[in-house]
Amino acid sequence: MEQALTPEVAAIVKPTWHYMGAALGFGLTVIGAGIGIGRLAAAAAEGVARQPSAAAQITAAANLPLFLLEGATIIALVFGLVVVFLK
C-alpha cells in the first residue's frame, strides 16, 4: 500500500535533495584526496628508504603533487558549499 506525499510534506522533502548530493560529494572528495595523498606519501617514503641520499629531491618532487591535490580538494569542497548555500 503506497501513500502519496501530501503537498506540505512534498514541499519539505523535495528541496532538500541537494543537501544529500552535497554531502555525498563532500565525502567522495575527502575520501579520494585521502587515498591520493596517502599513496603519494607512501611512495615518497619508500623512495627515501631505498635511496636516502636523494631524500631532498624526492621530498621536493612529492610536494608539488601534494599541494595540487590538496588545492583541488579545497576547490571541490568550496563548490559543494556553494551548492548548499546558494540553493
N, C-alpha and C. Protein backbone atom coordinates (compact mmCIF):
# COMPACT_ATOMS: atom_id res chain seq x y z
N MET A 1 0.83 -1.16 0.00
CA MET A 1 0.00 0.00 0.00
C MET A 1 0.89 1.25 0.00
N GLU A 2 0.85 2.00 -1.07
CA GLU A 2 1.67 3.21 -1.19
C GLU A 2 0.88 4.42 -0.75
N GLN A 3 1.56 5.28 -0.06
CA GLN A 3 0.92 6.53 0.35
C GLN A 3 1.59 7.67 -0.40
N ALA A 4 0.77 8.52 -0.98
CA ALA A 4 1.30 9.69 -1.67
C ALA A 4 1.67 10.76 -0.65
N LEU A 5 2.68 11.52 -0.96
CA LEU A 5 3.08 12.60 -0.07
C LEU A 5 2.07 13.74 -0.16
N THR A 6 1.74 14.28 0.97
CA THR A 6 0.87 15.45 0.97
C THR A 6 1.68 16.64 0.44
N PRO A 7 1.02 17.63 -0.06
CA PRO A 7 1.77 18.79 -0.59
C PRO A 7 2.68 19.45 0.44
N GLU A 8 2.25 19.42 1.72
CA GLU A 8 3.08 20.04 2.76
C GLU A 8 4.38 19.25 2.95
N VAL A 9 4.26 17.92 2.98
CA VAL A 9 5.44 17.08 3.15
C VAL A 9 6.32 17.14 1.91
N ALA A 10 5.71 17.14 0.73
CA ALA A 10 6.48 17.21 -0.51
C ALA A 10 7.27 18.51 -0.60
N ALA A 11 6.71 19.59 -0.09
CA ALA A 11 7.41 20.88 -0.11
C ALA A 11 8.61 20.86 0.82
N ILE A 12 8.55 20.06 1.87
CA ILE A 12 9.66 19.97 2.80
C ILE A 12 10.72 19.02 2.28
N VAL A 13 10.32 17.89 1.74
CA VAL A 13 11.25 16.83 1.36
C VAL A 13 11.95 17.12 0.04
N LYS A 14 11.23 17.56 -0.97
CA LYS A 14 11.80 17.70 -2.30
C LYS A 14 12.97 18.67 -2.39
N PRO A 15 12.91 19.86 -1.81
CA PRO A 15 14.03 20.79 -1.96
C PRO A 15 15.29 20.40 -1.20
N THR A 16 15.27 19.35 -0.39
CA THR A 16 16.43 19.00 0.40
C THR A 16 17.35 17.98 -0.26
N TRP A 17 17.07 17.56 -1.47
CA TRP A 17 17.93 16.57 -2.13
C TRP A 17 19.30 17.13 -2.44
N HIS A 18 19.42 18.42 -2.64
CA HIS A 18 20.74 18.99 -2.93
C HIS A 18 21.67 18.86 -1.73
N TYR A 19 21.12 18.82 -0.52
CA TYR A 19 21.96 18.59 0.66
C TYR A 19 22.57 17.18 0.63
N MET A 20 21.76 16.22 0.22
CA MET A 20 22.25 14.85 0.13
C MET A 20 23.34 14.74 -0.94
N GLY A 21 23.14 15.39 -2.06
CA GLY A 21 24.16 15.38 -3.10
C GLY A 21 25.44 16.07 -2.67
N ALA A 22 25.30 17.18 -1.97
CA ALA A 22 26.48 17.89 -1.48
C ALA A 22 27.23 17.04 -0.45
N ALA A 23 26.50 16.39 0.43
CA ALA A 23 27.14 15.54 1.43
C ALA A 23 27.87 14.37 0.77
N LEU A 24 27.25 13.78 -0.24
CA LEU A 24 27.90 12.70 -0.98
C LEU A 24 29.15 13.21 -1.69
N GLY A 25 29.06 14.39 -2.28
CA GLY A 25 30.23 14.99 -2.93
C GLY A 25 31.35 15.30 -1.95
N PHE A 26 30.99 15.83 -0.76
CA PHE A 26 32.00 16.10 0.26
C PHE A 26 32.71 14.82 0.66
N GLY A 27 31.92 13.78 0.89
CA GLY A 27 32.51 12.51 1.32
C GLY A 27 33.44 11.92 0.28
N LEU A 28 33.00 11.90 -0.97
CA LEU A 28 33.83 11.34 -2.03
C LEU A 28 35.09 12.17 -2.25
N THR A 29 34.97 13.48 -2.13
CA THR A 29 36.13 14.35 -2.29
C THR A 29 37.18 14.09 -1.21
N VAL A 30 36.73 14.00 0.02
CA VAL A 30 37.67 13.79 1.13
C VAL A 30 38.28 12.39 1.06
N ILE A 31 37.46 11.39 0.73
CA ILE A 31 37.99 10.03 0.61
C ILE A 31 39.02 9.94 -0.51
N GLY A 32 38.69 10.51 -1.66
CA GLY A 32 39.62 10.49 -2.79
C GLY A 32 40.92 11.22 -2.49
N ALA A 33 40.82 12.37 -1.86
CA ALA A 33 42.03 13.11 -1.51
C ALA A 33 42.86 12.35 -0.49
N GLY A 34 42.21 11.75 0.47
CA GLY A 34 42.94 10.97 1.48
C GLY A 34 43.68 9.80 0.87
N ILE A 35 43.03 9.11 -0.05
CA ILE A 35 43.68 7.98 -0.72
C ILE A 35 44.86 8.47 -1.56
N GLY A 36 44.64 9.55 -2.31
CA GLY A 36 45.71 10.06 -3.16
C GLY A 36 46.91 10.56 -2.37
N ILE A 37 46.65 11.31 -1.33
CA ILE A 37 47.75 11.83 -0.51
C ILE A 37 48.47 10.68 0.19
N GLY A 38 47.72 9.71 0.67
CA GLY A 38 48.34 8.56 1.34
C GLY A 38 49.23 7.76 0.41
N ARG A 39 48.75 7.52 -0.80
CA ARG A 39 49.58 6.76 -1.76
C ARG A 39 50.82 7.53 -2.16
N LEU A 40 50.67 8.83 -2.36
CA LEU A 40 51.82 9.64 -2.76
C LEU A 40 52.85 9.72 -1.62
N ALA A 41 52.39 9.88 -0.40
CA ALA A 41 53.31 9.94 0.73
C ALA A 41 53.99 8.59 0.95
N ALA A 42 53.25 7.50 0.74
CA ALA A 42 53.85 6.17 0.90
C ALA A 42 54.92 5.94 -0.16
N ALA A 43 54.66 6.37 -1.39
CA ALA A 43 55.66 6.20 -2.44
C ALA A 43 56.90 7.05 -2.16
N ALA A 44 56.69 8.26 -1.66
CA ALA A 44 57.84 9.11 -1.33
C ALA A 44 58.65 8.51 -0.18
N ALA A 45 57.96 7.99 0.82
CA ALA A 45 58.68 7.37 1.94
C ALA A 45 59.45 6.14 1.49
N GLU A 46 58.86 5.36 0.60
CA GLU A 46 59.57 4.19 0.07
C GLU A 46 60.78 4.61 -0.74
N GLY A 47 60.65 5.68 -1.51
CA GLY A 47 61.78 6.17 -2.29
C GLY A 47 62.91 6.66 -1.41
N VAL A 48 62.57 7.34 -0.34
CA VAL A 48 63.60 7.81 0.60
C VAL A 48 64.24 6.62 1.29
N ALA A 49 63.45 5.60 1.62
CA ALA A 49 64.01 4.42 2.28
C ALA A 49 64.96 3.67 1.35
N ARG A 50 64.65 3.66 0.07
CA ARG A 50 65.52 2.96 -0.88
C ARG A 50 66.79 3.74 -1.18
N GLN A 51 66.66 5.06 -1.21
CA GLN A 51 67.82 5.89 -1.57
C GLN A 51 67.88 7.13 -0.67
N PRO A 52 68.41 6.97 0.52
CA PRO A 52 68.42 8.09 1.49
C PRO A 52 69.19 9.31 1.00
N SER A 53 70.14 9.11 0.13
CA SER A 53 70.92 10.26 -0.34
C SER A 53 70.09 11.20 -1.22
N ALA A 54 68.99 10.71 -1.78
CA ALA A 54 68.14 11.53 -2.64
C ALA A 54 66.89 12.02 -1.91
N ALA A 55 66.94 12.05 -0.59
CA ALA A 55 65.76 12.43 0.19
C ALA A 55 65.27 13.84 -0.15
N ALA A 56 66.17 14.77 -0.31
CA ALA A 56 65.77 16.16 -0.59
C ALA A 56 65.07 16.27 -1.94
N GLN A 57 65.61 15.58 -2.95
CA GLN A 57 65.00 15.63 -4.28
C GLN A 57 63.64 14.92 -4.29
N ILE A 58 63.54 13.79 -3.60
CA ILE A 58 62.28 13.06 -3.57
C ILE A 58 61.21 13.87 -2.84
N THR A 59 61.60 14.47 -1.73
CA THR A 59 60.65 15.29 -0.97
C THR A 59 60.19 16.49 -1.79
N ALA A 60 61.11 17.13 -2.48
CA ALA A 60 60.75 18.28 -3.31
C ALA A 60 59.84 17.86 -4.46
N ALA A 61 60.11 16.70 -5.05
CA ALA A 61 59.29 16.24 -6.16
C ALA A 61 57.91 15.79 -5.69
N ALA A 62 57.78 15.37 -4.45
CA ALA A 62 56.49 14.90 -3.93
C ALA A 62 55.62 16.07 -3.44
N ASN A 63 56.23 17.19 -3.13
CA ASN A 63 55.46 18.31 -2.57
C ASN A 63 54.50 18.93 -3.57
N LEU A 64 54.91 19.13 -4.81
CA LEU A 64 54.04 19.78 -5.78
C LEU A 64 52.75 19.00 -6.02
N PRO A 65 52.80 17.69 -6.29
CA PRO A 65 51.53 16.96 -6.45
C PRO A 65 50.67 16.97 -5.19
N LEU A 66 51.31 16.95 -4.03
CA LEU A 66 50.53 17.03 -2.78
C LEU A 66 49.78 18.36 -2.69
N PHE A 67 50.46 19.43 -3.02
CA PHE A 67 49.81 20.75 -2.95
C PHE A 67 48.70 20.86 -3.98
N LEU A 68 48.93 20.34 -5.18
CA LEU A 68 47.90 20.40 -6.21
C LEU A 68 46.68 19.56 -5.83
N LEU A 69 46.91 18.40 -5.26
CA LEU A 69 45.80 17.55 -4.83
C LEU A 69 45.02 18.20 -3.71
N GLU A 70 45.70 18.80 -2.77
CA GLU A 70 45.02 19.48 -1.68
C GLU A 70 44.23 20.69 -2.19
N GLY A 71 44.80 21.41 -3.15
CA GLY A 71 44.10 22.55 -3.73
C GLY A 71 42.85 22.13 -4.49
N ALA A 72 42.94 21.05 -5.24
CA ALA A 72 41.76 20.55 -5.96
C ALA A 72 40.68 20.10 -4.98
N THR A 73 41.08 19.53 -3.86
CA THR A 73 40.12 19.11 -2.84
C THR A 73 39.42 20.33 -2.23
N ILE A 74 40.16 21.35 -1.93
CA ILE A 74 39.57 22.56 -1.35
C ILE A 74 38.61 23.20 -2.34
N ILE A 75 38.98 23.25 -3.61
CA ILE A 75 38.08 23.82 -4.63
C ILE A 75 36.79 23.01 -4.72
N ALA A 76 36.89 21.68 -4.69
CA ALA A 76 35.70 20.84 -4.74
C ALA A 76 34.80 21.07 -3.53
N LEU A 77 35.41 21.21 -2.36
CA LEU A 77 34.61 21.48 -1.16
C LEU A 77 33.95 22.86 -1.22
N VAL A 78 34.63 23.84 -1.79
CA VAL A 78 34.03 25.17 -1.94
C VAL A 78 32.85 25.10 -2.90
N PHE A 79 32.97 24.37 -3.99
CA PHE A 79 31.85 24.22 -4.92
C PHE A 79 30.67 23.54 -4.23
N GLY A 80 30.95 22.55 -3.39
CA GLY A 80 29.88 21.90 -2.64
C GLY A 80 29.19 22.86 -1.69
N LEU A 81 29.97 23.70 -1.03
CA LEU A 81 29.38 24.69 -0.13
C LEU A 81 28.55 25.71 -0.91
N VAL A 82 28.99 26.05 -2.10
CA VAL A 82 28.21 26.97 -2.95
C VAL A 82 26.87 26.34 -3.27
N VAL A 83 26.86 25.06 -3.58
CA VAL A 83 25.60 24.37 -3.88
C VAL A 83 24.68 24.40 -2.66
N VAL A 84 25.25 24.18 -1.49
CA VAL A 84 24.42 24.15 -0.27
C VAL A 84 23.86 25.52 0.05
N PHE A 85 24.69 26.54 0.01
CA PHE A 85 24.25 27.85 0.48
C PHE A 85 23.52 28.68 -0.57
N LEU A 86 23.71 28.40 -1.83
CA LEU A 86 23.02 29.18 -2.86
C LEU A 86 21.76 28.50 -3.39
N LYS A 87 21.47 27.34 -2.91
CA LYS A 87 20.26 26.64 -3.38
C LYS A 87 19.05 27.26 -2.74
